[in-house]
Amino acid sequence: MKISKATIVRTIVLALVLINMVLQSMGKSPIQYDESGIANIIGTLISLGAIGASWWYNNSFSDAAKKADAFMQMLKDGDETDAETDV
């Protein structure tokens, strides 16, 4: 699934507007943003997303992922006959 850049930008702008609305309703000063500020926010969100995805996809949490890791290790070790019977 590929998300377009325009969708990401619209989502970020929507989030900023919503956050500013909540801050204003609470009597706080809203987030001041300009082009460089938005670019910094987008860069930070992309970095956080990449870090989160990298962490999630490189660690096995489910039983199926753990079995797949064990199967892959057996294949790497060259023990293909055991790998086929264990899964």
PDB file of N, CA and C in Angstrom:
ATOM      1  N   MET A   1       0.841  -1.168   0.000  1.00  0.00           N
ATOM      2  CA  MET A   1       0.000   0.000   0.000  1.00  0.00           C
ATOM      3  C   MET A   1       0.887   1.233   0.000  1.00  0.00           C
ATOM      4  N   LYS A   2       0.732   2.070  -0.994  1.00  0.00           N
ATOM      5  CA  LYS A   2       1.541   3.271  -1.108  1.00  0.00           C
ATOM      6  C   LYS A   2       0.668   4.486  -0.833  1.00  0.00           C
ATOM      7  N   ILE A   3       1.129   5.319   0.075  1.00  0.00           N
ATOM      8  CA  ILE A   3       0.411   6.539   0.435  1.00  0.00           C
ATOM      9  C   ILE A   3       1.075   7.702  -0.286  1.00  0.00           C
ATOM     10  N   SER A   4       0.272   8.538  -0.919  1.00  0.00           N
ATOM     11  CA  SER A   4       0.837   9.646  -1.679  1.00  0.00           C
ATOM     12  C   SER A   4       1.389  10.718  -0.745  1.00  0.00           C
ATOM     13  N   LYS A   5       2.334  11.480  -1.279  1.00  0.00           N
ATOM     14  CA  LYS A   5       2.928  12.580  -0.502  1.00  0.00           C
ATOM     15  C   LYS A   5       1.874  13.619  -0.144  1.00  0.00           C
ATOM     16  N   ALA A   6       0.965  13.852  -1.062  1.00  0.00           N
ATOM     17  CA  ALA A   6      -0.085  14.842  -0.810  1.00  0.00           C
ATOM     18  C   ALA A   6      -0.959  14.419   0.367  1.00  0.00           C
ATOM     19  N   THR A   7      -1.252  13.136   0.475  1.00  0.00           N
ATOM     20  CA  THR A   7      -2.055  12.645   1.596  1.00  0.00           C
ATOM     21  C   THR A   7      -1.316  12.853   2.910  1.00  0.00           C
ATOM     22  N   ILE A   8      -0.021  12.585   2.917  1.00  0.00           N
ATOM     23  CA  ILE A   8       0.782  12.775   4.134  1.00  0.00           C
ATOM     24  C   ILE A   8       0.792  14.251   4.543  1.00  0.00           C
ATOM     25  N   VAL A   9       0.997  15.139   3.579  1.00  0.00           N
ATOM     26  CA  VAL A   9       1.037  16.572   3.877  1.00  0.00           C
ATOM     27  C   VAL A   9      -0.310  17.046   4.392  1.00  0.00           C
ATOM     28  N   ARG A  10      -1.405  16.621   3.736  1.00  0.00           N
ATOM     29  CA  ARG A  10      -2.743  17.025   4.206  1.00  0.00           C
ATOM     30  C   ARG A  10      -3.017  16.521   5.612  1.00  0.00           C
ATOM     31  N   THR A  11      -2.575  15.314   5.921  1.00  0.00           N
ATOM     32  CA  THR A  11      -2.782  14.750   7.253  1.00  0.00           C
ATOM     33  C   THR A  11      -2.012  15.536   8.303  1.00  0.00           C
ATOM     34  N   ILE A  12      -0.780  15.907   7.990  1.00  0.00           N
ATOM     35  CA  ILE A  12       0.035  16.682   8.935  1.00  0.00           C
ATOM     36  C   ILE A  12      -0.573  18.058   9.163  1.00  0.00           C
ATOM     37  N   VAL A  13      -1.001  18.704   8.086  1.00  0.00           N
ATOM     38  CA  VAL A  13      -1.623  20.024   8.224  1.00  0.00           C
ATOM     39  C   VAL A  13      -2.912  19.925   9.038  1.00  0.00           C
ATOM     40  N   LEU A  14      -3.707  18.889   8.789  1.00  0.00           N
ATOM     41  CA  LEU A  14      -4.929  18.676   9.568  1.00  0.00           C
ATOM     42  C   LEU A  14      -4.600  18.491  11.046  1.00  0.00           C
ATOM     43  N   ALA A  15      -3.574  17.696  11.330  1.00  0.00           N
ATOM     44  CA  ALA A  15      -3.172  17.477  12.728  1.00  0.00           C
ATOM     45  C   ALA A  15      -2.760  18.789  13.379  1.00  0.00           C
ATOM     46  N   LEU A  16      -1.999  19.611  12.664  1.00  0.00           N
ATOM     47  CA  LEU A  16      -1.591  20.914  13.218  1.00  0.00           C
ATOM     48  C   LEU A  16      -2.797  21.801  13.500  1.00  0.00           C
ATOM     49  N   VAL A  17      -3.746  21.821  12.583  1.00  0.00           N
ATOM     50  CA  VAL A  17      -4.956  22.633  12.781  1.00  0.00           C
ATOM     51  C   VAL A  17      -5.736  22.144  13.999  1.00  0.00           C
ATOM     52  N   LEU A  18      -5.897  20.830  14.114  1.00  0.00           N
ATOM     53  CA  LEU A  18      -6.630  20.274  15.253  1.00  0.00           C
ATOM     54  C   LEU A  18      -5.920  20.557  16.574  1.00  0.00           C
ATOM     55  N   ILE A  19      -4.604  20.400  16.580  1.00  0.00           N
ATOM     56  CA  ILE A  19      -3.834  20.691  17.800  1.00  0.00           C
ATOM     57  C   ILE A  19      -3.975  22.162  18.172  1.00  0.00           C
ATOM     58  N   ASN A  20      -3.891  23.046  17.179  1.00  0.00           N
ATOM     59  CA  ASN A  20      -4.049  24.478  17.460  1.00  0.00           C
ATOM     60  C   ASN A  20      -5.446  24.802  17.976  1.00  0.00           C
ATOM     61  N   MET A  21      -6.462  24.130  17.443  1.00  0.00           N
ATOM     62  CA  MET A  21      -7.821  24.362  17.924  1.00  0.00           C
ATOM     63  C   MET A  21      -7.954  23.955  19.388  1.00  0.00           C
ATOM     64  N   VAL A  22      -7.394  22.805  19.740  1.00  0.00           N
ATOM     65  CA  VAL A  22      -7.459  22.335  21.123  1.00  0.00           C
ATOM     66  C   VAL A  22      -6.681  23.278  22.035  1.00  0.00           C
ATOM     67  N   LEU A  23      -5.491  23.683  21.610  1.00  0.00           N
ATOM     68  CA  LEU A  23      -4.692  24.598  22.423  1.00  0.00           C
ATOM     69  C   LEU A  23      -5.413  25.925  22.648  1.00  0.00           C
ATOM     70  N   GLN A  24      -6.008  26.468  21.591  1.00  0.00           N
ATOM     71  CA  GLN A  24      -6.735  27.734  21.723  1.00  0.00           C
ATOM     72  C   GLN A  24      -7.943  27.592  22.635  1.00  0.00           C
ATOM     73  N   SER A  25      -8.652  26.470  22.546  1.00  0.00           N
ATOM     74  CA  SER A  25      -9.827  26.285  23.394  1.00  0.00           C
ATOM     75  C   SER A  25      -9.439  26.136  24.866  1.00  0.00           C
ATOM     76  N   MET A  26      -8.192  25.701  25.118  1.00  0.00           N
ATOM     77  CA  MET A  26      -7.705  25.567  26.493  1.00  0.00           C
ATOM     78  C   MET A  26      -7.014  26.837  26.984  1.00  0.00           C
ATOM     79  N   GLY A  27      -7.000  27.876  26.138  1.00  0.00           N
ATOM     80  CA  GLY A  27      -6.387  29.137  26.528  1.00  0.00           C
ATOM     81  C   GLY A  27      -4.867  29.156  26.398  1.00  0.00           C
ATOM     82  N   LYS A  28      -4.301  28.197  25.734  1.00  0.00           N
ATOM     83  CA  LYS A  28      -2.855  28.132  25.517  1.00  0.00           C
ATOM     84  C   LYS A  28      -2.518  28.808  24.196  1.00  0.00           C
ATOM     85  N   SER A  29      -1.241  29.158  24.030  1.00  0.00           N
ATOM     86  CA  SER A  29      -0.857  29.765  22.762  1.00  0.00           C
ATOM     87  C   SER A  29      -0.688  28.666  21.712  1.00  0.00           C
ATOM     88  N   PRO A  30      -1.209  28.912  20.519  1.00  0.00           N
ATOM     89  CA  PRO A  30      -1.138  27.896  19.475  1.00  0.00           C
ATOM     90  C   PRO A  30       0.286  27.732  18.938  1.00  0.00           C
ATOM     91  N   ILE A  31       0.487  26.647  18.232  1.00  0.00           N
ATOM     92  CA  ILE A  31       1.778  26.378  17.611  1.00  0.00           C
ATOM     93  C   ILE A  31       1.972  27.368  16.470  1.00  0.00           C
ATOM     94  N   GLN A  32       3.090  28.074  16.492  1.00  0.00           N
ATOM     95  CA  GLN A  32       3.425  28.987  15.404  1.00  0.00           C
ATOM     96  C   GLN A  32       4.200  28.191  14.366  1.00  0.00           C
ATOM     97  N   TYR A  33       3.749  28.228  13.145  1.00  0.00           N
ATOM     98  CA  TYR A  33       4.446  27.464  12.123  1.00  0.00           C
ATOM     99  C   TYR A  33       4.574  28.268  10.836  1.00  0.00           C
ATOM    100  N   ASP A  34       5.700  28.071  10.197  1.00  0.00           N
ATOM    101  CA  ASP A  34       5.972  28.632   8.885  1.00  0.00           C
ATOM    102  C   ASP A  34       6.516  27.504   8.013  1.00  0.00           C
ATOM    103  N   GLU A  35       7.043  27.830   6.848  1.00  0.00           N
ATOM    104  CA  GLU A  35       7.528  26.774   5.950  1.00  0.00           C
ATOM    105  C   GLU A  35       8.619  25.928   6.587  1.00  0.00           C
ATOM    106  N   SER A  36       9.579  26.564   7.234  1.00  0.00           N
ATOM    107  CA  SER A  36      10.677  25.790   7.829  1.00  0.00           C
ATOM    108  C   SER A  36      10.176  24.973   9.018  1.00  0.00           C
ATOM    109  N   GLY A  37       9.235  25.522   9.769  1.00  0.00           N
ATOM    110  CA  GLY A  37       8.673  24.781  10.892  1.00  0.00           C
ATOM    111  C   GLY A  37       7.917  23.546  10.436  1.00  0.00           C
ATOM    112  N   ILE A  38       7.140  23.701   9.373  1.00  0.00           N
ATOM    113  CA  ILE A  38       6.398  22.562   8.837  1.00  0.00           C
ATOM    114  C   ILE A  38       7.371  21.525   8.285  1.00  0.00           C
ATOM    115  N   ALA A  39       8.423  21.989   7.612  1.00  0.00           N
ATOM    116  CA  ALA A  39       9.425  21.060   7.081  1.00  0.00           C
ATOM    117  C   ALA A  39      10.088  20.287   8.218  1.00  0.00           C
ATOM    118  N   ASN A  40      10.374  20.958   9.339  1.00  0.00           N
ATOM    119  CA  ASN A  40      10.960  20.278  10.496  1.00  0.00           C
ATOM    120  C   ASN A  40      10.005  19.249  11.081  1.00  0.00           C
ATOM    121  N   ILE A  41       8.742  19.607  11.186  1.00  0.00           N
ATOM    122  CA  ILE A  41       7.743  18.680  11.722  1.00  0.00           C
ATOM    123  C   ILE A  41       7.614  17.462  10.815  1.00  0.00           C
ATOM    124  N   ILE A  42       7.542  17.696   9.503  1.00  0.00           N
ATOM    125  CA  ILE A  42       7.411  16.584   8.553  1.00  0.00           C
ATOM    126  C   ILE A  42       8.639  15.687   8.629  1.00  0.00           C
ATOM    127  N   GLY A  43       9.820  16.299   8.683  1.00  0.00           N
ATOM    128  CA  GLY A  43      11.054  15.514   8.789  1.00  0.00           C
ATOM    129  C   GLY A  43      11.095  14.673  10.046  1.00  0.00           C
ATOM    130  N   THR A  44      10.668  15.259  11.157  1.00  0.00           N
ATOM    131  CA  THR A  44      10.641  14.533  12.421  1.00  0.00           C
ATOM    132  C   THR A  44       9.652  13.367  12.362  1.00  0.00           C
ATOM    133  N   LEU A  45       8.468  13.604  11.815  1.00  0.00           N
ATOM    134  CA  LEU A  45       7.467  12.543  11.713  1.00  0.00           C
ATOM    135  C   LEU A  45       7.930  11.413  10.794  1.00  0.00           C
ATOM    136  N   ILE A  46       8.577  11.771   9.693  1.00  0.00           N
ATOM    137  CA  ILE A  46       9.093  10.743   8.794  1.00  0.00           C
ATOM    138  C   ILE A  46      10.169   9.929   9.497  1.00  0.00           C
ATOM    139  N   SER A  47      11.046  10.615  10.227  1.00  0.00           N
ATOM    140  CA  SER A  47      12.096   9.909  10.967  1.00  0.00           C
ATOM    141  C   SER A  47      11.497   8.971  12.010  1.00  0.00           C
ATOM    142  N   LEU A  48      10.521   9.463  12.761  1.00  0.00           N
ATOM    143  CA  LEU A  48       9.878   8.623  13.770  1.00  0.00           C
ATOM    144  C   LEU A  48       9.173   7.426  13.130  1.00  0.00           C
ATOM    145  N   GLY A  49       8.530   7.660  11.996  1.00  0.00           N
ATOM    146  CA  GLY A  49       7.873   6.565  11.288  1.00  0.00           C
ATOM    147  C   GLY A  49       8.872   5.525  10.803  1.00  0.00           C
ATOM    148  N   ALA A  50       9.998   5.976  10.272  1.00  0.00           N
ATOM    149  CA  ALA A  50      11.026   5.045   9.794  1.00  0.00           C
ATOM    150  C   ALA A  50      11.628   4.259  10.951  1.00  0.00           C
ATOM    151  N   ILE A  51      11.875   4.926  12.071  1.00  0.00           N
ATOM    152  CA  ILE A  51      12.414   4.246  13.249  1.00  0.00           C
ATOM    153  C   ILE A  51      11.422   3.206  13.762  1.00  0.00           C
ATOM    154  N   GLY A  52      10.159   3.597  13.859  1.00  0.00           N
ATOM    155  CA  GLY A  52       9.133   2.674  14.336  1.00  0.00           C
ATOM    156  C   GLY A  52       8.959   1.474  13.420  1.00  0.00           C
ATOM    157  N   ALA A  53       8.922   1.712  12.109  1.00  0.00           N
ATOM    158  CA  ALA A  53       8.764   0.618  11.155  1.00  0.00           C
ATOM    159  C   ALA A  53       9.975  -0.301  11.193  1.00  0.00           C
ATOM    160  N   SER A  54      11.159   0.275  11.257  1.00  0.00           N
ATOM    161  CA  SER A  54      12.383  -0.529  11.307  1.00  0.00           C
ATOM    162  C   SER A  54      12.398  -1.399  12.555  1.00  0.00           C
ATOM    163  N   TRP A  55      12.027  -0.830  13.671  1.00  0.00           N
ATOM    164  CA  TRP A  55      11.996  -1.583  14.927  1.00  0.00           C
ATOM    165  C   TRP A  55      10.951  -2.696  14.853  1.00  0.00           C
ATOM    166  N   TRP A  56       9.764  -2.379  14.354  1.00  0.00           N
ATOM    167  CA  TRP A  56       8.671  -3.345  14.318  1.00  0.00           C
ATOM    168  C   TRP A  56       8.985  -4.500  13.381  1.00  0.00           C
ATOM    169  N   TYR A  57       9.466  -4.203  12.179  1.00  0.00           N
ATOM    170  CA  TYR A  57       9.682  -5.251  11.189  1.00  0.00           C
ATOM    171  C   TYR A  57      10.959  -6.047  11.422  1.00  0.00           C
ATOM    172  N   ASN A  58      11.854  -5.563  12.241  1.00  0.00           N
ATOM    173  CA  ASN A  58      13.092  -6.285  12.493  1.00  0.00           C
ATOM    174  C   ASN A  58      13.067  -7.063  13.804  1.00  0.00           C
ATOM    175  N   ASN A  59      11.930  -7.133  14.442  1.00  0.00           N
ATOM    176  CA  ASN A  59      11.783  -7.880  15.687  1.00  0.00           C
ATOM    177  C   ASN A  59      10.580  -8.801  15.557  1.00  0.00           C
ATOM    178  N   SER A  60      10.747 -10.027  15.984  1.00  0.00           N
ATOM    179  CA  SER A  60       9.664 -11.003  15.878  1.00  0.00           C
ATOM    180  C   SER A  60       8.857 -11.028  17.172  1.00  0.00           C
ATOM    181  N   PHE A  61       7.581 -10.667  17.055  1.00  0.00           N
ATOM    182  CA  PHE A  61       6.709 -10.632  18.227  1.00  0.00           C
ATOM    183  C   PHE A  61       5.724 -11.800  18.242  1.00  0.00           C
ATOM    184  N   SER A  62       5.195 -12.156  17.084  1.00  0.00           N
ATOM    185  CA  SER A  62       4.171 -13.205  17.045  1.00  0.00           C
ATOM    186  C   SER A  62       4.816 -14.586  17.006  1.00  0.00           C
ATOM    187  N   ASP A  63       4.021 -15.595  17.345  1.00  0.00           N
ATOM    188  CA  ASP A  63       4.509 -16.982  17.276  1.00  0.00           C
ATOM    189  C   ASP A  63       4.890 -17.354  15.848  1.00  0.00           C
ATOM    190  N   ALA A  64       4.088 -16.887  14.881  1.00  0.00           N
ATOM    191  CA  ALA A  64       4.387 -17.197  13.479  1.00  0.00           C
ATOM    192  C   ALA A  64       5.730 -16.600  13.062  1.00  0.00           C
ATOM    193  N   ALA A  65       6.006 -15.381  13.502  1.00  0.00           N
ATOM    194  CA  ALA A  65       7.284 -14.743  13.154  1.00  0.00           C
ATOM    195  C   ALA A  65       8.450 -15.464  13.814  1.00  0.00           C
ATOM    196  N   LYS A  66       8.248 -15.900  15.040  1.00  0.00           N
ATOM    197  CA  LYS A  66       9.316 -16.633  15.734  1.00  0.00           C
ATOM    198  C   LYS A  66       9.595 -17.963  15.052  1.00  0.00           C
ATOM    199  N   LYS A  67       8.537 -18.664  14.599  1.00  0.00           N
ATOM    200  CA  LYS A  67       8.718 -19.924  13.872  1.00  0.00           C
ATOM    201  C   LYS A  67       9.423 -19.673  12.545  1.00  0.00           C
ATOM    202  N   ALA A  68       9.047 -18.577  11.880  1.00  0.00           N
ATOM    203  CA  ALA A  68       9.690 -18.243  10.609  1.00  0.00           C
ATOM    204  C   ALA A  68      11.174 -17.945  10.811  1.00  0.00           C
ATOM    205  N   ASP A  69      11.515 -17.266  11.901  1.00  0.00           N
ATOM    206  CA  ASP A  69      12.925 -16.992  12.214  1.00  0.00           C
ATOM    207  C   ASP A  69      13.687 -18.288  12.450  1.00  0.00           C
ATOM    208  N   ALA A  70      13.074 -19.216  13.180  1.00  0.00           N
ATOM    209  CA  ALA A  70      13.725 -20.493  13.447  1.00  0.00           C
ATOM    210  C   ALA A  70      13.906 -21.285  12.147  1.00  0.00           C
ATOM    211  N   PHE A  71      12.900 -21.263  11.295  1.00  0.00           N
ATOM    212  CA  PHE A  71      12.973 -21.953  10.005  1.00  0.00           C
ATOM    213  C   PHE A  71      14.080 -21.352   9.146  1.00  0.00           C
ATOM    214  N   MET A  72      14.153 -20.020   9.096  1.00  0.00           N
ATOM    215  CA  MET A  72      15.184 -19.362   8.312  1.00  0.00           C
ATOM    216  C   MET A  72      16.580 -19.702   8.841  1.00  0.00           C
ATOM    217  N   GLN A  73      16.719 -19.747  10.154  1.00  0.00           N
ATOM    218  CA  GLN A  73      18.019 -20.091  10.737  1.00  0.00           C
ATOM    219  C   GLN A  73      18.415 -21.523  10.394  1.00  0.00           C
ATOM    220  N   MET A  74      17.439 -22.434  10.405  1.00  0.00           N
ATOM    221  CA  MET A  74      17.726 -23.822  10.021  1.00  0.00           C
ATOM    222  C   MET A  74      18.178 -23.897   8.572  1.00  0.00           C
ATOM    223  N   LEU A  75      17.535 -23.117   7.702  1.00  0.00           N
ATOM    224  CA  LEU A  75      17.943 -23.093   6.293  1.00  0.00           C
ATOM    225  C   LEU A  75      19.353 -22.533   6.143  1.00  0.00           C
ATOM    226  N   LYS A  76      19.664 -21.494   6.906  1.00  0.00           N
ATOM    227  CA  LYS A  76      21.005 -20.908   6.854  1.00  0.00           C
ATOM    228  C   LYS A  76      22.056 -21.891   7.354  1.00  0.00           C
ATOM    229  N   ASP A  77      21.682 -22.679   8.338  1.00  0.00           N
ATOM    230  CA  ASP A  77      22.614 -23.661   8.893  1.00  0.00           C
ATOM    231  C   ASP A  77      22.769 -24.865   7.979  1.00  0.00           C
ATOM    232  N   GLY A  78      21.927 -24.969   6.961  1.00  0.00           N
ATOM    233  CA  GLY A  78      22.023 -26.069   6.003  1.00  0.00           C
ATOM    234  C   GLY A  78      21.308 -27.325   6.431  1.00  0.00           C
ATOM    235  N   ASP A  79      20.436 -27.226   7.417  1.00  0.00           N
ATOM    236  CA  ASP A  79      19.721 -28.393   7.930  1.00  0.00           C
ATOM    237  C   ASP A  79      18.302 -28.384   7.373  1.00  0.00           C
ATOM    238  N   GLU A  80      18.173 -28.564   6.058  1.00  0.00           N
ATOM    239  CA  GLU A  80      16.882 -28.436   5.389  1.00  0.00           C
ATOM    240  C   GLU A  80      15.905 -29.544   5.753  1.00  0.00           C
ATOM    241  N   THR A  81      16.374 -30.726   6.046  1.00  0.00           N
ATOM    242  CA  THR A  81      15.450 -31.829   6.356  1.00  0.00           C
ATOM    243  C   THR A  81      14.740 -31.586   7.667  1.00  0.00           C
ATOM    244  N   ASP A  82      15.452 -31.087   8.687  1.00  0.00           N
ATOM    245  CA  ASP A  82      14.815 -30.776   9.973  1.00  0.00           C
ATOM    246  C   ASP A  82      13.875 -29.595   9.831  1.00  0.00           C
ATOM    247  N   ALA A  83      14.225 -28.635   9.000  1.00  0.00           N
ATOM    248  CA  ALA A  83      13.415 -27.447   8.833  1.00  0.00           C
ATOM    249  C   ALA A  83      12.046 -27.786   8.263  1.00  0.00           C
ATOM    250  N   GLU A  84      11.993 -28.730   7.337  1.00  0.00           N
ATOM    251  CA  GLU A  84      10.723 -29.084   6.725  1.00  0.00           C
ATOM    252  C   GLU A  84       9.819 -29.835   7.675  1.00  0.00           C
ATOM    253  N   THR A  85      10.374 -30.606   8.593  1.00  0.00           N
ATOM    254  CA  THR A  85       9.557 -31.397   9.504  1.00  0.00           C
ATOM    255  C   THR A  85       9.156 -30.613  10.747  1.00  0.00           C
ATOM    256  N   ASP A  86       9.898 -29.585  11.120  1.00  0.00           N
ATOM    257  CA  ASP A  86       9.605 -28.848  12.356  1.00  0.00           C
ATOM    258  C   ASP A  86       8.487 -27.838  12.203  1.00  0.00           C
ATOM    259  N   VAL A  87       8.216 -27.389  10.985  1.00  0.00           N
ATOM    260  CA  VAL A  87       7.215 -26.329  10.813  1.00  0.00           C
ATOM    261  C   VAL A  87       5.879 -26.885  10.488  1.00  0.00           C
TER     262      VAL A  87
END
